[in-house]
Protein backbone atom coordinates (compact mmCIF):
# COMPACT_ATOMS: atom_id res chain seq x y z
CA MET A 1 40.05 -61.51 -52.58
CA ARG A 2 37.71 -64.19 -51.32
CA LEU A 3 34.38 -63.50 -49.68
CA LEU A 4 34.03 -66.29 -47.13
CA PHE A 5 30.46 -65.41 -46.16
CA VAL A 6 27.99 -62.51 -46.42
CA ASP A 7 25.26 -62.07 -43.81
CA PRO A 8 23.22 -58.88 -44.45
CA ARG A 9 20.87 -59.61 -41.53
CA LYS A 10 23.71 -59.50 -39.00
CA LYS A 11 25.69 -57.00 -41.11
CA ARG A 12 28.67 -59.36 -41.09
CA LEU A 13 30.99 -60.69 -43.77
CA GLY A 14 34.14 -62.77 -43.82
CA VAL A 15 37.01 -61.68 -46.07
CA LEU A 16 40.28 -63.31 -47.11
CA PRO A 17 42.59 -60.84 -48.90
CA GLU A 18 44.89 -62.75 -51.24
CA VAL A 19 47.08 -60.07 -52.85
CA LEU A 20 48.36 -56.62 -51.89
CA ASP A 21 45.73 -54.78 -53.94
CA ASP A 22 42.99 -56.56 -51.96
CA LEU A 23 44.16 -54.58 -48.93
CA TRP A 24 43.81 -51.36 -50.95
CA VAL A 25 40.18 -52.29 -51.67
CA LEU A 26 39.47 -53.42 -48.10
CA GLU A 27 40.69 -50.06 -46.77
CA LYS A 28 37.95 -48.37 -48.82
CA VAL A 29 35.08 -50.32 -47.22
CA ILE A 30 36.05 -50.26 -43.53
CA GLU A 31 34.44 -47.29 -41.77
CA GLN A 32 34.85 -45.74 -38.35
CA GLY A 33 32.48 -47.51 -35.96
CA ASP A 34 32.66 -50.86 -37.79
CA PHE A 35 33.96 -53.94 -35.98
CA ILE A 36 36.85 -56.19 -36.99
CA GLU A 37 37.33 -59.70 -35.62
CA ALA A 38 40.67 -61.44 -35.97
CA ASP A 39 43.37 -63.38 -34.15
CA VAL A 40 46.20 -61.24 -32.80
CA LEU A 41 49.34 -61.76 -30.76
CA ARG A 42 49.55 -59.85 -27.50
CA SER A 43 52.43 -59.76 -25.08
CA VAL A 44 51.31 -61.18 -21.70
CA VAL A 45 53.22 -61.16 -18.39
CA PHE A 46 52.37 -64.21 -16.30
CA ASP A 47 52.42 -64.42 -12.48
CA SER A 48 55.83 -66.05 -12.70
CA GLY A 49 57.15 -62.91 -14.33
CA LYS A 50 57.63 -64.66 -17.66
CA LYS A 51 56.61 -62.65 -20.71
CA GLU A 52 55.16 -64.44 -23.74
CA SER A 53 53.22 -63.67 -26.91
CA VAL A 54 49.76 -65.24 -26.73
CA LYS A 55 47.28 -65.64 -29.58
CA ILE A 56 43.97 -63.96 -28.70
CA HIS A 57 40.78 -63.60 -30.75
CA VAL A 58 39.62 -60.00 -30.48
CA LYS A 59 36.72 -57.90 -31.68
CA VAL A 60 37.80 -54.30 -32.17
CA GLN A 61 35.63 -51.25 -32.85
CA VAL A 62 37.34 -49.35 -35.64
CA GLU A 63 38.69 -45.86 -35.02
CA ASP A 64 41.39 -45.63 -37.71
CA VAL A 65 42.39 -47.51 -40.86
CA GLU A 66 45.71 -47.17 -42.70
CA PHE A 67 47.00 -48.99 -45.77
CA HIS A 68 50.78 -49.47 -45.50
CA GLU A 69 51.89 -50.55 -48.95
CA TYR A 70 55.58 -50.70 -48.03
CA SER A 71 54.91 -53.36 -45.38
CA SER A 72 52.07 -55.08 -47.30
CA SER A 73 49.62 -54.58 -44.47
CA LEU A 74 46.35 -52.87 -43.58
CA ARG A 75 46.40 -51.61 -40.00
CA VAL A 76 43.08 -51.24 -38.22
CA LYS A 77 43.17 -49.56 -34.83
CA GLY A 78 40.44 -49.39 -32.20
CA LYS A 79 39.20 -50.44 -28.76
CA ILE A 80 38.70 -54.07 -27.84
CA VAL A 81 35.03 -54.87 -27.15
CA GLU A 82 35.44 -58.67 -26.93
CA ALA A 83 38.40 -60.99 -26.37
CA HIS A 84 38.89 -64.74 -26.04
CA PRO A 85 40.41 -65.76 -23.71
CA GLU A 86 39.41 -62.71 -21.67
CA GLU A 87 42.00 -63.18 -18.91
CA TYR A 88 44.81 -62.00 -21.16
CA VAL A 89 43.34 -58.66 -22.15
CA GLY A 90 40.71 -56.29 -20.76
CA LYS A 91 37.92 -54.63 -22.69
CA GLY A 92 38.49 -51.01 -23.60
CA LYS A 93 42.19 -51.43 -24.30
CA TYR A 94 43.49 -50.41 -27.69
CA GLN A 95 44.57 -52.96 -30.27
CA THR A 96 45.94 -52.67 -33.79
CA VAL A 97 44.91 -55.50 -36.09
CA SER A 98 47.40 -55.93 -38.92
CA ILE A 99 45.69 -57.48 -41.95
CA THR A 100 47.99 -59.06 -44.53
CA PRO A 101 47.40 -61.18 -47.67
CA GLY A 102 46.39 -64.69 -46.64
CA ARG A 103 44.94 -63.62 -43.29
CA SER A 104 41.15 -63.77 -42.98
CA VAL A 105 39.08 -61.32 -40.92
CA VAL A 106 35.42 -60.84 -40.07
CA LEU A 107 33.97 -57.39 -40.70
CA GLU A 108 30.79 -56.28 -38.94
CA LYS A 109 29.39 -53.12 -40.50
CA LYS A 110 27.81 -50.33 -38.48
CA VAL A 111 25.78 -49.47 -41.60
CA TRP A 112 25.16 -52.18 -44.21
CA ARG A 113 25.77 -50.84 -47.70
CA SER A 114 25.33 -52.59 -51.03
CA ALA A 115 28.30 -50.56 -52.33
CA THR A 116 30.55 -52.24 -49.77
CA VAL A 117 29.64 -55.74 -50.89
CA ASP A 118 29.85 -54.72 -54.56
CA LEU A 119 33.42 -53.43 -54.15
CA LEU A 120 34.47 -56.66 -52.47
CA ARG A 121 32.77 -58.79 -55.14
CA LYS A 122 34.56 -56.80 -57.85
CA ALA A 123 37.83 -57.46 -56.04
CA GLU A 124 36.98 -61.16 -55.82
CA LYS A 125 36.30 -61.27 -59.56
CA GLU A 126 39.47 -59.32 -60.38
CA THR A 127 41.62 -61.78 -58.43
CA THR A 128 40.55 -64.57 -60.81
CA ARG A 129 41.75 -62.69 -63.89
CA PRO A 130 45.19 -63.46 -65.37
CA GLU A 131 47.85 -61.23 -63.82
CA VAL A 132 49.15 -58.70 -66.32
CA ILE A 133 52.62 -57.20 -66.31
CA LEU A 134 53.28 -53.93 -68.15
CA VAL A 135 56.80 -53.19 -69.45
CA SER A 136 57.71 -49.78 -70.89
CA MET A 137 61.23 -49.75 -72.32
CA ASP A 138 63.77 -47.94 -74.46
CA ASP A 139 67.49 -48.52 -74.97
CA GLU A 140 68.33 -47.15 -71.49
CA GLU A 141 65.92 -48.88 -69.10
CA ALA A 142 62.73 -50.85 -68.69
CA THR A 143 59.99 -49.85 -66.22
CA VAL A 144 57.86 -52.73 -64.96
CA ALA A 145 54.38 -52.49 -63.38
CA LEU A 146 51.55 -54.75 -62.23
CA TYR A 147 48.09 -54.08 -63.65
CA SER A 148 44.93 -54.94 -61.69
CA TYR A 149 42.76 -52.53 -59.65
CA ARG A 150 45.48 -49.97 -60.18
CA VAL A 151 48.90 -49.62 -61.79
CA ARG A 152 51.62 -50.53 -59.30
CA LEU A 153 55.25 -49.90 -60.28
CA VAL A 154 57.40 -52.82 -59.13
CA GLY A 155 60.86 -52.12 -60.52
CA THR A 156 63.26 -50.74 -63.11
CA VAL A 157 65.88 -52.67 -65.08
CA ARG A 158 68.73 -50.57 -66.47
CA ASN A 159 70.72 -51.33 -69.59
CA LYS A 160 74.29 -51.74 -68.35
CA ALA A 161 75.53 -51.69 -71.94
CA HIS A 162 73.73 -48.46 -72.88
CA GLY A 163 75.54 -46.62 -75.67
CA LYS A 164 76.85 -49.73 -77.38
CA MET A 165 75.67 -51.01 -80.73
CA PHE A 166 72.76 -53.48 -80.74
CA GLY A 167 74.17 -56.93 -80.15
CA GLU A 168 75.75 -58.67 -77.20
CA GLY A 169 75.13 -55.75 -74.83
CA PHE A 170 71.41 -55.75 -75.61
CA THR A 171 71.29 -59.51 -75.23
CA GLN A 172 72.34 -59.00 -71.61
CA TYR A 173 69.83 -56.14 -71.18
CA PHE A 174 66.98 -58.18 -72.63
CA GLY A 175 68.02 -61.15 -70.52
CA ASP A 176 67.94 -59.02 -67.37
CA VAL A 177 64.48 -57.68 -68.22
CA LEU A 178 63.17 -61.14 -69.05
CA HIS A 179 64.55 -62.58 -65.82
CA PHE A 180 62.94 -59.82 -63.74
CA VAL A 181 59.55 -60.10 -65.45
CA GLU A 182 59.51 -63.90 -65.24
CA SER A 183 60.34 -63.72 -61.51
CA LEU A 184 56.91 -62.09 -61.09
CA LYS A 185 55.30 -65.22 -62.60
CA PRO A 186 53.11 -63.29 -65.07
CA GLU A 187 50.28 -64.83 -67.03
CA TYR A 188 50.33 -62.06 -69.62
CA VAL A 189 52.88 -59.35 -70.51
CA ILE A 190 52.28 -56.17 -72.52
CA VAL A 191 55.50 -54.50 -73.71
CA GLY A 192 55.69 -51.02 -75.17
CA GLY A 193 58.04 -48.22 -76.03
CA PRO A 194 59.25 -45.88 -78.78
CA GLY A 195 61.42 -47.08 -81.66
CA PHE A 196 62.04 -50.78 -82.18
CA ILE A 197 63.54 -51.86 -78.85
CA PHE A 198 60.25 -53.21 -77.49
CA GLU A 199 59.67 -55.25 -80.68
CA ASN A 200 63.15 -56.72 -80.47
CA PHE A 201 62.55 -57.64 -76.84
CA VAL A 202 59.23 -59.36 -77.63
CA ARG A 203 61.03 -61.32 -80.34
CA PHE A 204 63.84 -62.14 -77.88
CA ALA A 205 61.29 -63.46 -75.37
CA SER A 206 59.44 -65.46 -78.04
CA GLU A 207 62.66 -67.12 -79.21
CA ARG A 208 63.13 -68.34 -75.65
CA GLY A 209 59.71 -69.94 -75.50
CA ARG A 210 57.80 -67.05 -73.90
CA LYS A 211 54.62 -66.77 -75.96
CA LYS A 212 52.66 -64.52 -73.58
CA TYR A 213 54.46 -61.29 -74.57
CA VAL A 214 52.59 -58.74 -76.73
CA GLY A 215 54.08 -55.52 -78.11
CA VAL A 216 52.31 -52.13 -78.29
CA ARG A 217 54.03 -49.00 -79.63
CA THR A 218 54.07 -45.89 -77.40
CA SER A 219 55.62 -42.44 -77.87
CA VAL A 220 57.66 -42.53 -74.64
CA ALA A 221 59.11 -45.02 -72.18
CA GLY A 222 59.31 -44.99 -68.38
CA GLU A 223 56.37 -44.33 -66.06
CA LYS A 224 54.63 -42.11 -68.63
CA GLY A 225 55.00 -44.93 -71.11
CA ILE A 226 53.29 -47.31 -68.69
CA TYR A 227 50.19 -45.10 -68.60
CA GLU A 228 50.29 -44.60 -72.35
CA LEU A 229 50.27 -48.39 -72.65
CA VAL A 230 47.14 -48.53 -70.53
CA MET A 231 45.45 -45.66 -72.37
CA SER A 232 46.36 -46.75 -75.89
CA ARG A 233 45.85 -49.94 -77.85
CA GLY A 234 47.07 -51.90 -74.85
CA ARG A 235 43.73 -51.27 -73.18
CA ALA A 236 41.96 -53.44 -75.76
CA LEU A 237 44.02 -56.40 -74.55
CA VAL A 238 42.68 -55.98 -71.00
CA GLU A 239 39.38 -54.23 -71.70
CA ASP A 240 37.44 -56.30 -69.17
CA TYR A 241 39.73 -55.36 -66.30
CA TRP A 242 38.45 -53.05 -63.57
CA LEU A 243 40.97 -50.27 -64.25
CA SER A 244 40.38 -50.41 -68.01
CA LYS A 245 36.68 -49.76 -67.43
CA ILE A 246 37.54 -46.69 -65.33
CA LEU A 247 39.77 -45.32 -68.09
CA ALA A 248 36.96 -45.84 -70.62
CA VAL A 249 34.62 -43.82 -68.37
CA LEU A 250 37.20 -41.00 -68.16
CA ASP A 251 37.41 -40.91 -71.96
CA GLU A 252 33.62 -40.68 -72.23
CA PHE A 253 33.53 -37.96 -69.55
CA ARG A 254 36.07 -35.84 -71.48
CA LYS A 255 34.08 -36.22 -74.69
CA ARG A 256 30.82 -35.18 -73.02
CA LEU A 257 32.52 -32.28 -71.23
CA ALA A 258 33.85 -30.97 -74.55
CA THR A 259 30.47 -31.25 -76.27
CA GLY A 260 28.19 -30.19 -73.42
CA GLY A 261 26.92 -33.70 -72.75
CA PRO A 262 25.22 -34.78 -69.49
CA VAL A 263 27.89 -34.90 -66.77
CA ALA A 264 28.34 -33.74 -63.19
CA MET A 265 31.31 -33.29 -60.90
CA GLY A 266 32.20 -32.78 -57.26
CA LYS A 267 29.30 -32.27 -54.84
CA GLU A 268 26.87 -31.99 -57.74
CA ALA A 269 27.79 -35.55 -58.81
CA LEU A 270 26.99 -36.84 -55.31
CA LYS A 271 23.71 -34.90 -55.29
CA LYS A 272 22.72 -36.30 -58.69
CA ALA A 273 23.29 -39.78 -57.23
CA GLU A 274 20.49 -39.10 -54.72
CA GLU A 275 18.18 -38.18 -57.60
CA GLY A 276 18.86 -41.40 -59.50
CA ALA A 277 20.33 -39.46 -62.41
CA VAL A 278 23.82 -41.05 -62.35
CA ASP A 279 24.64 -43.82 -64.79
CA VAL A 280 28.32 -44.10 -63.79
CA LEU A 281 30.07 -42.54 -60.78
CA VAL A 282 33.87 -42.34 -60.43
CA VAL A 283 35.24 -41.28 -57.04
CA HIS A 284 38.83 -40.34 -56.25
CA GLU A 285 40.22 -42.36 -53.34
CA SER A 286 41.16 -39.18 -51.44
CA LEU A 287 37.50 -38.05 -51.33
CA LEU A 288 36.46 -41.47 -50.08
CA ARG A 289 39.05 -41.19 -47.35
CA SER A 290 38.02 -37.68 -46.25
CA ASP A 291 34.22 -38.04 -46.53
CA ARG A 292 33.68 -41.79 -46.46
CA ALA A 293 30.09 -41.94 -45.16
CA SER A 294 28.71 -39.44 -47.70
CA VAL A 295 30.58 -41.02 -50.61
CA LEU A 296 29.55 -44.58 -49.73
CA GLU A 297 25.95 -43.40 -49.40
CA ALA A 298 26.17 -41.83 -52.87
CA MET A 299 27.65 -45.05 -54.24
CA ASP A 300 24.77 -46.97 -52.68
CA ASN A 301 22.26 -44.62 -54.33
CA VAL A 302 23.86 -45.09 -57.75
CA GLN A 303 23.73 -48.87 -57.45
CA ASN A 304 20.17 -48.86 -56.12
CA PHE A 305 19.14 -47.04 -59.30
CA GLY A 306 21.02 -49.54 -61.48
CA GLY A 307 24.18 -47.49 -62.06
CA LYS A 308 27.87 -48.38 -61.78
CA VAL A 309 30.48 -47.06 -59.35
CA PHE A 310 34.28 -47.00 -59.45
CA ILE A 311 37.06 -45.79 -57.16
CA ILE A 312 40.01 -44.35 -59.04
CA PRO A 313 43.49 -44.79 -57.49
CA ARG A 314 45.55 -41.63 -57.11
CA ASN A 315 48.44 -42.88 -59.28
CA VAL A 316 46.35 -43.51 -62.41
CA GLU A 317 46.43 -41.21 -65.42
CA GLY A 318 43.31 -39.06 -65.11
CA ALA A 319 43.05 -39.30 -61.32
CA ALA A 320 44.45 -35.77 -60.90
CA MET A 321 41.66 -34.45 -63.14
CA VAL A 322 39.00 -36.16 -61.02
CA GLU A 323 40.56 -34.77 -57.83
CA LYS A 324 40.65 -31.22 -59.23
CA LEU A 325 36.99 -31.50 -60.23
CA GLY A 326 35.96 -32.06 -56.62
CA GLY A 327 36.93 -35.70 -56.22
CA ALA A 328 34.01 -37.17 -58.16
CA ILE A 329 32.72 -37.22 -61.72
CA ALA A 330 29.51 -38.71 -63.10
CA LEU A 331 28.06 -39.71 -66.42
CA LEU A 332 24.38 -38.77 -66.19
CA ARG A 333 21.32 -40.42 -67.66
CA PHE A 334 19.67 -37.04 -68.26
């Protein structure tokens, strides 16, 4: 994510999403009633009867926002309030602006919130961190995920020689896993699993000149193993990452809950934010989607009193707990 400019006086900011997860963050800060400016292609029928796609710069008042991960796009729908050139489209017509990585847009906020800018600045900072790949493997298959604002599963590599003794068959398996991981161009790889397979793979990678692979033992493999990697010793390797900080907050929340420490949840957590009592607020993305204005206001309140705010993705270990507790949890100052 790159913030191209920030103008609080005019409530405008320019944003350039660079990776898929930037779109996930951008979806969280665009509200109904905001305005999006971008170049779009519209089909125009000329007097000659010829139909062509023409590039038009439009300003659209937001009515709906949807993150489409499968197509790597964020679709913003609303009515056109400005268009250049005007002769190709009339005001009041509907337009969907499809935002993709590498495509800049201008966002004009109906209500300027410090929480909005903070989320985007966190995304900008996260983009500069080395990209981490997580691999959870056993002798049957390896599950591969990307680690940044959230855990995103990107593929599975199966052992075609499963059932054979360790040797040539595993050399092919390890080679397939290494090829898949390297195709993602990682800067850092954390490998885990039960038994000794993950250690053998790290050694296999090292012998082929890959020095960025680190092994961490887990009790299981697969998707559960991925989250165990994040929650276990693997977290220390990426402790400054956004998601790692969320998981640390969840750990602290569980400890305080068990001992009667100062915490709040659900609507009470949002109310405590108004009172300046919240040190850290974690909000489930589903609550932000269903009650965006109230949640963003609470996030603003927390930051105005010097606290920290996080949005937890639904596919992260611990997210289900937050959702069941009303969609928000808070570590309180008192």
